[in-house]
Structures are given as C-alpha cells and as structure tokens.
Amino acid sequence: MSRPERSVHIAKSMKVIEWLKTEILDQIANLYKGLHHANRSLIQDSLASLVVATYVLAKRVGFSYREVDQAVTRKLREAARERHQLEDWYGDLSDLEEYISKR
C-alpha cells in the first residue's frame, strides 16, 4: 500500500471508529427513551444496535468477534465467581454464559 493510500485508509478507519462511538451513544439515548416510555420495540432495537455496534467497534480496533465472545465469557465467569448481585438474585450471568457457550 502506497503512502497516500495508507493515509487515506488510516483516516477512513479513524472516521469509522468515531462514527461507531457516536452510534453507541445515540443508541444508549434511544434505550433510555424506550425505557422511559416503556416502548418494547425501541428498547429491543436499541439493545440490538448496541450489540452490533460493540462487535463492529471491537473489530475496527483489532479484536475478532471470537475474542470479544471469549472476553465476555471470562467476564461472566468472573462476576459469577465473585457472587455479583445479578447472579445471586436472578442467575442472569450463568444463564447468559450458558447461552453464549451453546451458540
């Protein structure tokens, strides 16, 4: 890749990363709106968009989707082991870990 092409590629990558960061913030705002108005469709759409944007951002900064899944699994196991309240009260963390491991 020539010097000008490399500069354009780097600039484009940086622009995409910045866009993804704003997309995440926008979806968090939409999630709050959905929760405030009890709008299930908006809540679901915002959560899905957050997951997608997170995976794509991870890829743009150098992580594979598999690495993200592995990090999430490690985080879930660690939190469950440390008796996180969500795990103690609802078992959410072990449920999510089981779901991810079956994908």
Foldseek 3Di string as FASTA:
>chain_A
DDPVVVVVVVVVLVVVLVVLVVQLVVLVVQLVVCVVVVPVVSNVVSVVSNVVSVQVSCVSVPDHSVRVLVVLLVVLVVCVVVPPVCCVPPNVSVVVSVVSVVD
